[in-house]
mmCIF file of all heavy atoms, coordinates in Angstrom:
data_MODEL
# 
_entry.id   MODEL 
# 
loop_
_atom_site.group_PDB 
_atom_site.id 
_atom_site.type_symbol 
_atom_site.label_atom_id 
_atom_site.label_alt_id 
_atom_site.label_comp_id 
_atom_site.label_asym_id 
_atom_site.label_entity_id 
_atom_site.label_seq_id 
_atom_site.pdbx_PDB_ins_code 
_atom_site.Cartn_x 
_atom_site.Cartn_y 
_atom_site.Cartn_z 
_atom_site.occupancy 
_atom_site.B_iso_or_equiv 
_atom_site.pdbx_formal_charge 
_atom_site.auth_seq_id 
_atom_site.auth_comp_id 
_atom_site.auth_asym_id 
_atom_site.auth_atom_id 
_atom_site.pdbx_PDB_model_num 
ATOM 1   N N   . LYS A 1 1  ? -11.029 0.221   -23.388 1.00 0.00 ? 1  LYS A N   1 
ATOM 2   C CA  . LYS A 1 1  ? -10.088 -0.199  -22.271 1.00 0.00 ? 1  LYS A CA  1 
ATOM 3   C C   . LYS A 1 1  ? -10.434 0.551   -20.957 1.00 0.00 ? 1  LYS A C   1 
ATOM 4   O O   . LYS A 1 1  ? -10.589 1.842   -21.024 1.00 0.00 ? 1  LYS A O   1 
ATOM 5   C CB  . LYS A 1 1  ? -8.677  0.014   -22.646 1.00 0.00 ? 1  LYS A CB  1 
ATOM 6   C CG  . LYS A 1 1  ? -7.706  -0.514  -21.647 1.00 0.00 ? 1  LYS A CG  1 
ATOM 7   C CD  . LYS A 1 1  ? -6.220  -0.369  -22.156 1.00 0.00 ? 1  LYS A CD  1 
ATOM 8   C CE  . LYS A 1 1  ? -5.266  -0.845  -21.144 1.00 0.00 ? 1  LYS A CE  1 
ATOM 9   N NZ  . LYS A 1 1  ? -3.823  -0.750  -21.548 1.00 0.00 ? 1  LYS A NZ  1 
ATOM 10  N N   . MET A 1 2  ? -10.587 -0.136  -19.884 1.00 0.00 ? 2  MET A N   1 
ATOM 11  C CA  . MET A 1 2  ? -10.747 0.617   -18.554 1.00 0.00 ? 2  MET A CA  1 
ATOM 12  C C   . MET A 1 2  ? -9.502  1.378   -18.262 1.00 0.00 ? 2  MET A C   1 
ATOM 13  O O   . MET A 1 2  ? -8.543  0.798   -17.751 1.00 0.00 ? 2  MET A O   1 
ATOM 14  C CB  . MET A 1 2  ? -11.130 -0.395  -17.469 1.00 0.00 ? 2  MET A CB  1 
ATOM 15  C CG  . MET A 1 2  ? -12.531 -0.925  -17.599 1.00 0.00 ? 2  MET A CG  1 
ATOM 16  S SD  . MET A 1 2  ? -13.212 -1.656  -16.090 1.00 0.00 ? 2  MET A SD  1 
ATOM 17  C CE  . MET A 1 2  ? -12.308 -3.116  -16.033 1.00 0.00 ? 2  MET A CE  1 
ATOM 18  N N   . ASN A 1 3  ? -9.555  2.596   -18.603 1.00 0.00 ? 3  ASN A N   1 
ATOM 19  C CA  . ASN A 1 3  ? -8.397  3.481   -18.487 1.00 0.00 ? 3  ASN A CA  1 
ATOM 20  C C   . ASN A 1 3  ? -8.631  4.847   -17.955 1.00 0.00 ? 3  ASN A C   1 
ATOM 21  O O   . ASN A 1 3  ? -7.732  5.655   -17.886 1.00 0.00 ? 3  ASN A O   1 
ATOM 22  C CB  . ASN A 1 3  ? -7.677  3.629   -19.852 1.00 0.00 ? 3  ASN A CB  1 
ATOM 23  C CG  . ASN A 1 3  ? -6.248  3.974   -19.812 1.00 0.00 ? 3  ASN A CG  1 
ATOM 24  O OD1 . ASN A 1 3  ? -5.540  3.655   -18.808 1.00 0.00 ? 3  ASN A OD1 1 
ATOM 25  N ND2 . ASN A 1 3  ? -5.745  4.521   -20.886 1.00 0.00 ? 3  ASN A ND2 1 
ATOM 26  N N   . LEU A 1 4  ? -9.949  5.111   -17.552 1.00 0.00 ? 4  LEU A N   1 
ATOM 27  C CA  . LEU A 1 4  ? -10.372 6.446   -17.111 1.00 0.00 ? 4  LEU A CA  1 
ATOM 28  C C   . LEU A 1 4  ? -10.921 6.420   -15.740 1.00 0.00 ? 4  LEU A C   1 
ATOM 29  O O   . LEU A 1 4  ? -11.593 5.465   -15.387 1.00 0.00 ? 4  LEU A O   1 
ATOM 30  C CB  . LEU A 1 4  ? -11.300 7.054   -18.127 1.00 0.00 ? 4  LEU A CB  1 
ATOM 31  C CG  . LEU A 1 4  ? -10.911 7.186   -19.523 1.00 0.00 ? 4  LEU A CG  1 
ATOM 32  C CD1 . LEU A 1 4  ? -12.146 7.655   -20.434 1.00 0.00 ? 4  LEU A CD1 1 
ATOM 33  C CD2 . LEU A 1 4  ? -9.766  8.153   -19.741 1.00 0.00 ? 4  LEU A CD2 1 
ATOM 34  N N   . SER A 1 5  ? -10.631 7.483   -14.946 1.00 0.00 ? 5  SER A N   1 
ATOM 35  C CA  . SER A 1 5  ? -11.272 7.573   -13.637 1.00 0.00 ? 5  SER A CA  1 
ATOM 36  C C   . SER A 1 5  ? -12.541 8.350   -13.666 1.00 0.00 ? 5  SER A C   1 
ATOM 37  O O   . SER A 1 5  ? -12.935 8.930   -14.655 1.00 0.00 ? 5  SER A O   1 
ATOM 38  C CB  . SER A 1 5  ? -10.210 8.348   -12.683 1.00 0.00 ? 5  SER A CB  1 
ATOM 39  O OG  . SER A 1 5  ? -10.160 9.722   -13.073 1.00 0.00 ? 5  SER A OG  1 
ATOM 40  N N   . VAL A 1 6  ? -13.166 8.375   -12.488 1.00 0.00 ? 6  VAL A N   1 
ATOM 41  C CA  . VAL A 1 6  ? -14.431 9.175   -12.399 1.00 0.00 ? 6  VAL A CA  1 
ATOM 42  C C   . VAL A 1 6  ? -14.137 10.649  -12.667 1.00 0.00 ? 6  VAL A C   1 
ATOM 43  O O   . VAL A 1 6  ? -14.940 11.333  -13.214 1.00 0.00 ? 6  VAL A O   1 
ATOM 44  C CB  . VAL A 1 6  ? -15.096 8.916   -11.036 1.00 0.00 ? 6  VAL A CB  1 
ATOM 45  C CG1 . VAL A 1 6  ? -14.334 9.431   -9.829  1.00 0.00 ? 6  VAL A CG1 1 
ATOM 46  C CG2 . VAL A 1 6  ? -16.583 9.422   -10.976 1.00 0.00 ? 6  VAL A CG2 1 
ATOM 47  N N   . LYS A 1 7  ? -12.979 11.121  -12.235 1.00 0.00 ? 7  LYS A N   1 
ATOM 48  C CA  . LYS A 1 7  ? -12.534 12.453  -12.496 1.00 0.00 ? 7  LYS A CA  1 
ATOM 49  C C   . LYS A 1 7  ? -12.377 12.688  -14.027 1.00 0.00 ? 7  LYS A C   1 
ATOM 50  O O   . LYS A 1 7  ? -12.787 13.757  -14.496 1.00 0.00 ? 7  LYS A O   1 
ATOM 51  C CB  . LYS A 1 7  ? -11.242 12.772  -11.752 1.00 0.00 ? 7  LYS A CB  1 
ATOM 52  C CG  . LYS A 1 7  ? -11.369 12.877  -10.297 1.00 0.00 ? 7  LYS A CG  1 
ATOM 53  C CD  . LYS A 1 7  ? -10.046 13.013  -9.586  1.00 0.00 ? 7  LYS A CD  1 
ATOM 54  C CE  . LYS A 1 7  ? -9.292  14.301  -9.944  1.00 0.00 ? 7  LYS A CE  1 
ATOM 55  N NZ  . LYS A 1 7  ? -8.126  14.486  -9.051  1.00 0.00 ? 7  LYS A NZ  1 
ATOM 56  N N   . ASP A 1 8  ? -11.782 11.751  -14.694 1.00 0.00 ? 8  ASP A N   1 
ATOM 57  C CA  . ASP A 1 8  ? -11.478 11.904  -16.092 1.00 0.00 ? 8  ASP A CA  1 
ATOM 58  C C   . ASP A 1 8  ? -12.787 11.980  -16.821 1.00 0.00 ? 8  ASP A C   1 
ATOM 59  O O   . ASP A 1 8  ? -12.830 12.723  -17.922 1.00 0.00 ? 8  ASP A O   1 
ATOM 60  C CB  . ASP A 1 8  ? -10.666 10.690  -16.639 1.00 0.00 ? 8  ASP A CB  1 
ATOM 61  C CG  . ASP A 1 8  ? -9.294  10.572  -16.073 1.00 0.00 ? 8  ASP A CG  1 
ATOM 62  O OD1 . ASP A 1 8  ? -8.681  11.581  -15.712 1.00 0.00 ? 8  ASP A OD1 1 
ATOM 63  O OD2 . ASP A 1 8  ? -8.805  9.437   -15.928 1.00 0.00 ? 8  ASP A OD2 1 
ATOM 64  N N   . ILE A 1 9  ? -13.781 11.343  -16.460 1.00 0.00 ? 9  ILE A N   1 
ATOM 65  C CA  . ILE A 1 9  ? -15.076 11.325  -17.247 1.00 0.00 ? 9  ILE A CA  1 
ATOM 66  C C   . ILE A 1 9  ? -15.993 12.460  -16.713 1.00 0.00 ? 9  ILE A C   1 
ATOM 67  O O   . ILE A 1 9  ? -17.132 12.522  -17.188 1.00 0.00 ? 9  ILE A O   1 
ATOM 68  C CB  . ILE A 1 9  ? -15.819 9.955   -17.236 1.00 0.00 ? 9  ILE A CB  1 
ATOM 69  C CG1 . ILE A 1 9  ? -16.279 9.630   -15.809 1.00 0.00 ? 9  ILE A CG1 1 
ATOM 70  C CG2 . ILE A 1 9  ? -14.926 8.820   -17.828 1.00 0.00 ? 9  ILE A CG2 1 
ATOM 71  C CD1 . ILE A 1 9  ? -17.389 8.666   -15.752 1.00 0.00 ? 9  ILE A CD1 1 
ATOM 72  N N   . ASP A 1 10 ? -15.541 13.171  -15.726 1.00 0.00 ? 10 ASP A N   1 
ATOM 73  C CA  . ASP A 1 10 ? -16.404 14.203  -15.102 1.00 0.00 ? 10 ASP A CA  1 
ATOM 74  C C   . ASP A 1 10 ? -17.642 13.553  -14.546 1.00 0.00 ? 10 ASP A C   1 
ATOM 75  O O   . ASP A 1 10 ? -18.721 14.133  -14.579 1.00 0.00 ? 10 ASP A O   1 
ATOM 76  C CB  . ASP A 1 10 ? -16.792 15.315  -16.144 1.00 0.00 ? 10 ASP A CB  1 
ATOM 77  C CG  . ASP A 1 10 ? -16.936 16.703  -15.484 1.00 0.00 ? 10 ASP A CG  1 
ATOM 78  O OD1 . ASP A 1 10 ? -16.378 16.873  -14.391 1.00 0.00 ? 10 ASP A OD1 1 
ATOM 79  O OD2 . ASP A 1 10 ? -17.515 17.555  -16.113 1.00 0.00 ? 10 ASP A OD2 1 
ATOM 80  N N   . GLY A 1 11 ? -17.413 12.413  -13.921 1.00 0.00 ? 11 GLY A N   1 
ATOM 81  C CA  . GLY A 1 11 ? -18.535 11.659  -13.332 1.00 0.00 ? 11 GLY A CA  1 
ATOM 82  C C   . GLY A 1 11 ? -18.853 12.095  -11.917 1.00 0.00 ? 11 GLY A C   1 
ATOM 83  O O   . GLY A 1 11 ? -18.228 12.975  -11.375 1.00 0.00 ? 11 GLY A O   1 
ATOM 84  N N   . GLU A 1 12 ? -19.898 11.472  -11.391 1.00 0.00 ? 12 GLU A N   1 
ATOM 85  C CA  . GLU A 1 12 ? -20.442 11.826  -10.067 1.00 0.00 ? 12 GLU A CA  1 
ATOM 86  C C   . GLU A 1 12 ? -20.320 10.663  -9.087  1.00 0.00 ? 12 GLU A C   1 
ATOM 87  O O   . GLU A 1 12 ? -20.074 9.511   -9.538  1.00 0.00 ? 12 GLU A O   1 
ATOM 88  C CB  . GLU A 1 12 ? -21.909 12.233  -10.218 1.00 0.00 ? 12 GLU A CB  1 
ATOM 89  C CG  . GLU A 1 12 ? -22.137 13.388  -11.224 1.00 0.00 ? 12 GLU A CG  1 
ATOM 90  C CD  . GLU A 1 12 ? -23.575 13.645  -11.466 1.00 0.00 ? 12 GLU A CD  1 
ATOM 91  O OE1 . GLU A 1 12 ? -24.334 12.703  -11.787 1.00 0.00 ? 12 GLU A OE1 1 
ATOM 92  O OE2 . GLU A 1 12 ? -23.977 14.853  -11.302 1.00 0.00 ? 12 GLU A OE2 1 
ATOM 93  N N   . THR A 1 13 ? -20.456 10.909  -7.783  1.00 0.00 ? 13 THR A N   1 
ATOM 94  C CA  . THR A 1 13 ? -20.437 9.875   -6.850  1.00 0.00 ? 13 THR A CA  1 
ATOM 95  C C   . THR A 1 13 ? -21.594 9.923   -5.913  1.00 0.00 ? 13 THR A C   1 
ATOM 96  O O   . THR A 1 13 ? -22.159 11.027  -5.578  1.00 0.00 ? 13 THR A O   1 
ATOM 97  C CB  . THR A 1 13 ? -19.105 9.920   -6.030  1.00 0.00 ? 13 THR A CB  1 
ATOM 98  O OG1 . THR A 1 13 ? -19.048 11.122  -5.365  1.00 0.00 ? 13 THR A OG1 1 
ATOM 99  C CG2 . THR A 1 13 ? -17.865 9.660   -6.841  1.00 0.00 ? 13 THR A CG2 1 
ATOM 100 N N   . LEU A 1 14 ? -22.039 8.751   -5.423  1.00 0.00 ? 14 LEU A N   1 
ATOM 101 C CA  . LEU A 1 14 ? -23.134 8.693   -4.453  1.00 0.00 ? 14 LEU A CA  1 
ATOM 102 C C   . LEU A 1 14 ? -22.620 7.737   -3.344  1.00 0.00 ? 14 LEU A C   1 
ATOM 103 O O   . LEU A 1 14 ? -22.263 6.620   -3.599  1.00 0.00 ? 14 LEU A O   1 
ATOM 104 C CB  . LEU A 1 14 ? -24.393 8.051   -5.080  1.00 0.00 ? 14 LEU A CB  1 
ATOM 105 C CG  . LEU A 1 14 ? -25.552 7.836   -4.196  1.00 0.00 ? 14 LEU A CG  1 
ATOM 106 C CD1 . LEU A 1 14 ? -26.090 9.196   -3.560  1.00 0.00 ? 14 LEU A CD1 1 
ATOM 107 C CD2 . LEU A 1 14 ? -26.715 7.225   -4.930  1.00 0.00 ? 14 LEU A CD2 1 
ATOM 108 N N   . VAL A 1 15 ? -22.526 8.297   -2.109  1.00 0.00 ? 15 VAL A N   1 
ATOM 109 C CA  . VAL A 1 15 ? -21.998 7.659   -1.037  1.00 0.00 ? 15 VAL A CA  1 
ATOM 110 C C   . VAL A 1 15 ? -23.097 7.287   -0.010  1.00 0.00 ? 15 VAL A C   1 
ATOM 111 O O   . VAL A 1 15 ? -23.833 8.182   0.353   1.00 0.00 ? 15 VAL A O   1 
ATOM 112 C CB  . VAL A 1 15 ? -20.889 8.427   -0.251  1.00 0.00 ? 15 VAL A CB  1 
ATOM 113 C CG1 . VAL A 1 15 ? -20.256 7.701   0.901   1.00 0.00 ? 15 VAL A CG1 1 
ATOM 114 C CG2 . VAL A 1 15 ? -19.799 8.929   -1.228  1.00 0.00 ? 15 VAL A CG2 1 
ATOM 115 N N   . VAL A 1 16 ? -23.174 5.972   0.427   1.00 0.00 ? 16 VAL A N   1 
ATOM 116 C CA  . VAL A 1 16 ? -24.123 5.516   1.322   1.00 0.00 ? 16 VAL A CA  1 
ATOM 117 C C   . VAL A 1 16 ? -23.420 4.774   2.447   1.00 0.00 ? 16 VAL A C   1 
ATOM 118 O O   . VAL A 1 16 ? -22.619 3.892   2.266   1.00 0.00 ? 16 VAL A O   1 
ATOM 119 C CB  . VAL A 1 16 ? -25.132 4.586   0.591   1.00 0.00 ? 16 VAL A CB  1 
ATOM 120 C CG1 . VAL A 1 16 ? -26.079 3.962   1.631   1.00 0.00 ? 16 VAL A CG1 1 
ATOM 121 C CG2 . VAL A 1 16 ? -25.845 5.344   -0.457  1.00 0.00 ? 16 VAL A CG2 1 
ATOM 122 N N   . SER A 1 17 ? -23.710 5.218   3.740   1.00 0.00 ? 17 SER A N   1 
ATOM 123 C CA  . SER A 1 17 ? -23.109 4.515   4.861   1.00 0.00 ? 17 SER A CA  1 
ATOM 124 C C   . SER A 1 17 ? -23.687 3.083   4.978   1.00 0.00 ? 17 SER A C   1 
ATOM 125 O O   . SER A 1 17 ? -24.898 2.873   4.677   1.00 0.00 ? 17 SER A O   1 
ATOM 126 C CB  . SER A 1 17 ? -23.362 5.319   6.130   1.00 0.00 ? 17 SER A CB  1 
ATOM 127 O OG  . SER A 1 17 ? -24.748 5.388   6.448   1.00 0.00 ? 17 SER A OG  1 
ATOM 128 N N   . ASN A 1 18 ? -22.828 2.120   5.429   1.00 0.00 ? 18 ASN A N   1 
ATOM 129 C CA  . ASN A 1 18 ? -23.346 0.757   5.490   1.00 0.00 ? 18 ASN A CA  1 
ATOM 130 C C   . ASN A 1 18 ? -22.482 -0.068  6.546   1.00 0.00 ? 18 ASN A C   1 
ATOM 131 O O   . ASN A 1 18 ? -21.392 -0.587  6.184   1.00 0.00 ? 18 ASN A O   1 
ATOM 132 C CB  . ASN A 1 18 ? -23.232 0.120   4.086   1.00 0.00 ? 18 ASN A CB  1 
ATOM 133 C CG  . ASN A 1 18 ? -23.937 -1.223  4.061   1.00 0.00 ? 18 ASN A CG  1 
ATOM 134 O OD1 . ASN A 1 18 ? -23.806 -2.024  4.998   1.00 0.00 ? 18 ASN A OD1 1 
ATOM 135 N ND2 . ASN A 1 18 ? -24.613 -1.520  3.017   1.00 0.00 ? 18 ASN A ND2 1 
ATOM 136 N N   . PHE A 1 19 ? -22.965 -0.091  7.800   1.00 0.00 ? 19 PHE A N   1 
ATOM 137 C CA  . PHE A 1 19 ? -22.231 -0.825  8.829   1.00 0.00 ? 19 PHE A CA  1 
ATOM 138 C C   . PHE A 1 19 ? -22.126 -2.309  8.550   1.00 0.00 ? 19 PHE A C   1 
ATOM 139 O O   . PHE A 1 19 ? -21.256 -2.958  9.060   1.00 0.00 ? 19 PHE A O   1 
ATOM 140 C CB  . PHE A 1 19 ? -22.786 -0.496  10.182  1.00 0.00 ? 19 PHE A CB  1 
ATOM 141 C CG  . PHE A 1 19 ? -24.107 -1.168  10.410  1.00 0.00 ? 19 PHE A CG  1 
ATOM 142 C CD1 . PHE A 1 19 ? -24.122 -2.380  11.139  1.00 0.00 ? 19 PHE A CD1 1 
ATOM 143 C CD2 . PHE A 1 19 ? -25.339 -0.553  10.085  1.00 0.00 ? 19 PHE A CD2 1 
ATOM 144 C CE1 . PHE A 1 19 ? -25.306 -3.053  11.340  1.00 0.00 ? 19 PHE A CE1 1 
ATOM 145 C CE2 . PHE A 1 19 ? -26.600 -1.190  10.390  1.00 0.00 ? 19 PHE A CE2 1 
ATOM 146 C CZ  . PHE A 1 19 ? -26.531 -2.449  11.020  1.00 0.00 ? 19 PHE A CZ  1 
ATOM 147 N N   . THR A 1 20 ? -23.044 -2.888  7.731   1.00 0.00 ? 20 THR A N   1 
ATOM 148 C CA  . THR A 1 20 ? -23.068 -4.280  7.548   1.00 0.00 ? 20 THR A CA  1 
ATOM 149 C C   . THR A 1 20 ? -21.870 -4.801  6.745   1.00 0.00 ? 20 THR A C   1 
ATOM 150 O O   . THR A 1 20 ? -21.601 -5.963  6.722   1.00 0.00 ? 20 THR A O   1 
ATOM 151 C CB  . THR A 1 20 ? -24.386 -4.814  6.883   1.00 0.00 ? 20 THR A CB  1 
ATOM 152 O OG1 . THR A 1 20 ? -24.488 -4.199  5.624   1.00 0.00 ? 20 THR A OG1 1 
ATOM 153 C CG2 . THR A 1 20 ? -25.648 -4.420  7.689   1.00 0.00 ? 20 THR A CG2 1 
ATOM 154 N N   . LEU A 1 21 ? -21.136 -3.854  6.221   1.00 0.00 ? 21 LEU A N   1 
ATOM 155 C CA  . LEU A 1 21 ? -19.879 -4.244  5.492   1.00 0.00 ? 21 LEU A CA  1 
ATOM 156 C C   . LEU A 1 21 ? -18.859 -4.842  6.502   1.00 0.00 ? 21 LEU A C   1 
ATOM 157 O O   . LEU A 1 21 ? -17.950 -5.607  6.117   1.00 0.00 ? 21 LEU A O   1 
ATOM 158 C CB  . LEU A 1 21 ? -19.262 -3.109  4.784   1.00 0.00 ? 21 LEU A CB  1 
ATOM 159 C CG  . LEU A 1 21 ? -20.008 -2.519  3.611   1.00 0.00 ? 21 LEU A CG  1 
ATOM 160 C CD1 . LEU A 1 21 ? -19.317 -1.340  3.020   1.00 0.00 ? 21 LEU A CD1 1 
ATOM 161 C CD2 . LEU A 1 21 ? -20.202 -3.601  2.533   1.00 0.00 ? 21 LEU A CD2 1 
ATOM 162 N N   . ASN A 1 22 ? -19.063 -4.539  7.754   1.00 0.00 ? 22 ASN A N   1 
ATOM 163 C CA  . ASN A 1 22 ? -18.158 -5.003  8.775   1.00 0.00 ? 22 ASN A CA  1 
ATOM 164 C C   . ASN A 1 22 ? -18.635 -6.330  9.463   1.00 0.00 ? 22 ASN A C   1 
ATOM 165 O O   . ASN A 1 22 ? -18.201 -6.588  10.593  1.00 0.00 ? 22 ASN A O   1 
ATOM 166 C CB  . ASN A 1 22 ? -17.963 -3.970  9.840   1.00 0.00 ? 22 ASN A CB  1 
ATOM 167 C CG  . ASN A 1 22 ? -17.391 -2.636  9.296   1.00 0.00 ? 22 ASN A CG  1 
ATOM 168 O OD1 . ASN A 1 22 ? -16.390 -2.701  8.558   1.00 0.00 ? 22 ASN A OD1 1 
ATOM 169 N ND2 . ASN A 1 22 ? -18.006 -1.569  9.544   1.00 0.00 ? 22 ASN A ND2 1 
ATOM 170 N N   . ALA A 1 23 ? -19.505 -7.043  8.823   1.00 0.00 ? 23 ALA A N   1 
ATOM 171 C CA  . ALA A 1 23 ? -20.102 -8.221  9.334   1.00 0.00 ? 23 ALA A CA  1 
ATOM 172 C C   . ALA A 1 23 ? -19.039 -9.283  9.720   1.00 0.00 ? 23 ALA A C   1 
ATOM 173 O O   . ALA A 1 23 ? -18.137 -9.586  8.878   1.00 0.00 ? 23 ALA A O   1 
ATOM 174 C CB  . ALA A 1 23 ? -21.102 -8.834  8.387   1.00 0.00 ? 23 ALA A CB  1 
ATOM 175 N N   . ASN A 1 24 ? -19.168 -9.936  10.892  1.00 0.00 ? 24 ASN A N   1 
ATOM 176 C CA  . ASN A 1 24 ? -18.407 -11.120 11.271  1.00 0.00 ? 24 ASN A CA  1 
ATOM 177 C C   . ASN A 1 24 ? -19.409 -12.227 11.083  1.00 0.00 ? 24 ASN A C   1 
ATOM 178 O O   . ASN A 1 24 ? -20.325 -12.376 11.823  1.00 0.00 ? 24 ASN A O   1 
ATOM 179 C CB  . ASN A 1 24 ? -17.912 -10.923 12.669  1.00 0.00 ? 24 ASN A CB  1 
ATOM 180 C CG  . ASN A 1 24 ? -17.149 -12.193 13.145  1.00 0.00 ? 24 ASN A CG  1 
ATOM 181 O OD1 . ASN A 1 24 ? -17.070 -13.200 12.408  1.00 0.00 ? 24 ASN A OD1 1 
ATOM 182 N ND2 . ASN A 1 24 ? -16.760 -12.171 14.381  1.00 0.00 ? 24 ASN A ND2 1 
ATOM 183 N N   . TYR A 1 25 ? -19.136 -13.030 10.059  1.00 0.00 ? 25 TYR A N   1 
ATOM 184 C CA  . TYR A 1 25 ? -19.965 -14.211 9.780   1.00 0.00 ? 25 TYR A CA  1 
ATOM 185 C C   . TYR A 1 25 ? -19.300 -15.519 10.023  1.00 0.00 ? 25 TYR A C   1 
ATOM 186 O O   . TYR A 1 25 ? -19.709 -16.605 9.556   1.00 0.00 ? 25 TYR A O   1 
ATOM 187 C CB  . TYR A 1 25 ? -20.420 -14.146 8.318   1.00 0.00 ? 25 TYR A CB  1 
ATOM 188 C CG  . TYR A 1 25 ? -19.227 -13.776 7.380   1.00 0.00 ? 25 TYR A CG  1 
ATOM 189 C CD1 . TYR A 1 25 ? -18.383 -14.842 6.898   1.00 0.00 ? 25 TYR A CD1 1 
ATOM 190 C CD2 . TYR A 1 25 ? -19.035 -12.476 7.017   1.00 0.00 ? 25 TYR A CD2 1 
ATOM 191 C CE1 . TYR A 1 25 ? -17.348 -14.534 6.148   1.00 0.00 ? 25 TYR A CE1 1 
ATOM 192 C CE2 . TYR A 1 25 ? -17.942 -12.154 6.211   1.00 0.00 ? 25 TYR A CE2 1 
ATOM 193 C CZ  . TYR A 1 25 ? -17.088 -13.232 5.755   1.00 0.00 ? 25 TYR A CZ  1 
ATOM 194 O OH  . TYR A 1 25 ? -16.032 -12.876 4.924   1.00 0.00 ? 25 TYR A OH  1 
ATOM 195 N N   . SER A 1 26 ? -18.273 -15.495 10.866  1.00 0.00 ? 26 SER A N   1 
ATOM 196 C CA  . SER A 1 26 ? -17.410 -16.725 11.086  1.00 0.00 ? 26 SER A CA  1 
ATOM 197 C C   . SER A 1 26 ? -18.062 -17.749 11.973  1.00 0.00 ? 26 SER A C   1 
ATOM 198 O O   . SER A 1 26 ? -17.645 -18.909 11.987  1.00 0.00 ? 26 SER A O   1 
ATOM 199 C CB  . SER A 1 26 ? -16.030 -16.302 11.608  1.00 0.00 ? 26 SER A CB  1 
ATOM 200 O OG  . SER A 1 26 ? -16.156 -15.704 12.906  1.00 0.00 ? 26 SER A OG  1 
ATOM 201 N N   . HIS A 1 27 ? -19.056 -17.342 12.715  1.00 0.00 ? 27 HIS A N   1 
ATOM 202 C CA  . HIS A 1 27 ? -19.678 -18.319 13.656  1.00 0.00 ? 27 HIS A CA  1 
ATOM 203 C C   . HIS A 1 27 ? -21.204 -18.236 13.495  1.00 0.00 ? 27 HIS A C   1 
ATOM 204 O O   . HIS A 1 27 ? -21.770 -17.065 13.331  1.00 0.00 ? 27 HIS A O   1 
ATOM 205 C CB  . HIS A 1 27 ? -19.307 -17.921 15.110  1.00 0.00 ? 27 HIS A CB  1 
ATOM 206 C CG  . HIS A 1 27 ? -19.594 -16.552 15.493  1.00 0.00 ? 27 HIS A CG  1 
ATOM 207 N ND1 . HIS A 1 27 ? -18.839 -15.492 15.131  1.00 0.00 ? 27 HIS A ND1 1 
ATOM 208 C CD2 . HIS A 1 27 ? -20.697 -16.045 16.153  1.00 0.00 ? 27 HIS A CD2 1 
ATOM 209 C CE1 . HIS A 1 27 ? -19.407 -14.422 15.618  1.00 0.00 ? 27 HIS A CE1 1 
ATOM 210 N NE2 . HIS A 1 27 ? -20.502 -14.717 16.221  1.00 0.00 ? 27 HIS A NE2 1 
ATOM 211 N N   . GLY A 1 28 ? -21.864 -19.332 13.459  1.00 0.00 ? 28 GLY A N   1 
ATOM 212 C CA  . GLY A 1 28 ? -23.293 -19.390 13.330  1.00 0.00 ? 28 GLY A CA  1 
ATOM 213 C C   . GLY A 1 28 ? -23.803 -18.790 12.049  1.00 0.00 ? 28 GLY A C   1 
ATOM 214 O O   . GLY A 1 28 ? -23.028 -18.572 11.113  1.00 0.00 ? 28 GLY A O   1 
# 
């Protein structure tokens, strides 16, 4: 069961900046 966090499993994180997440695709 999905019941544990990244902290609970002593897991790691990798963060990557990505400005394209803010894309406005409503026109054209």
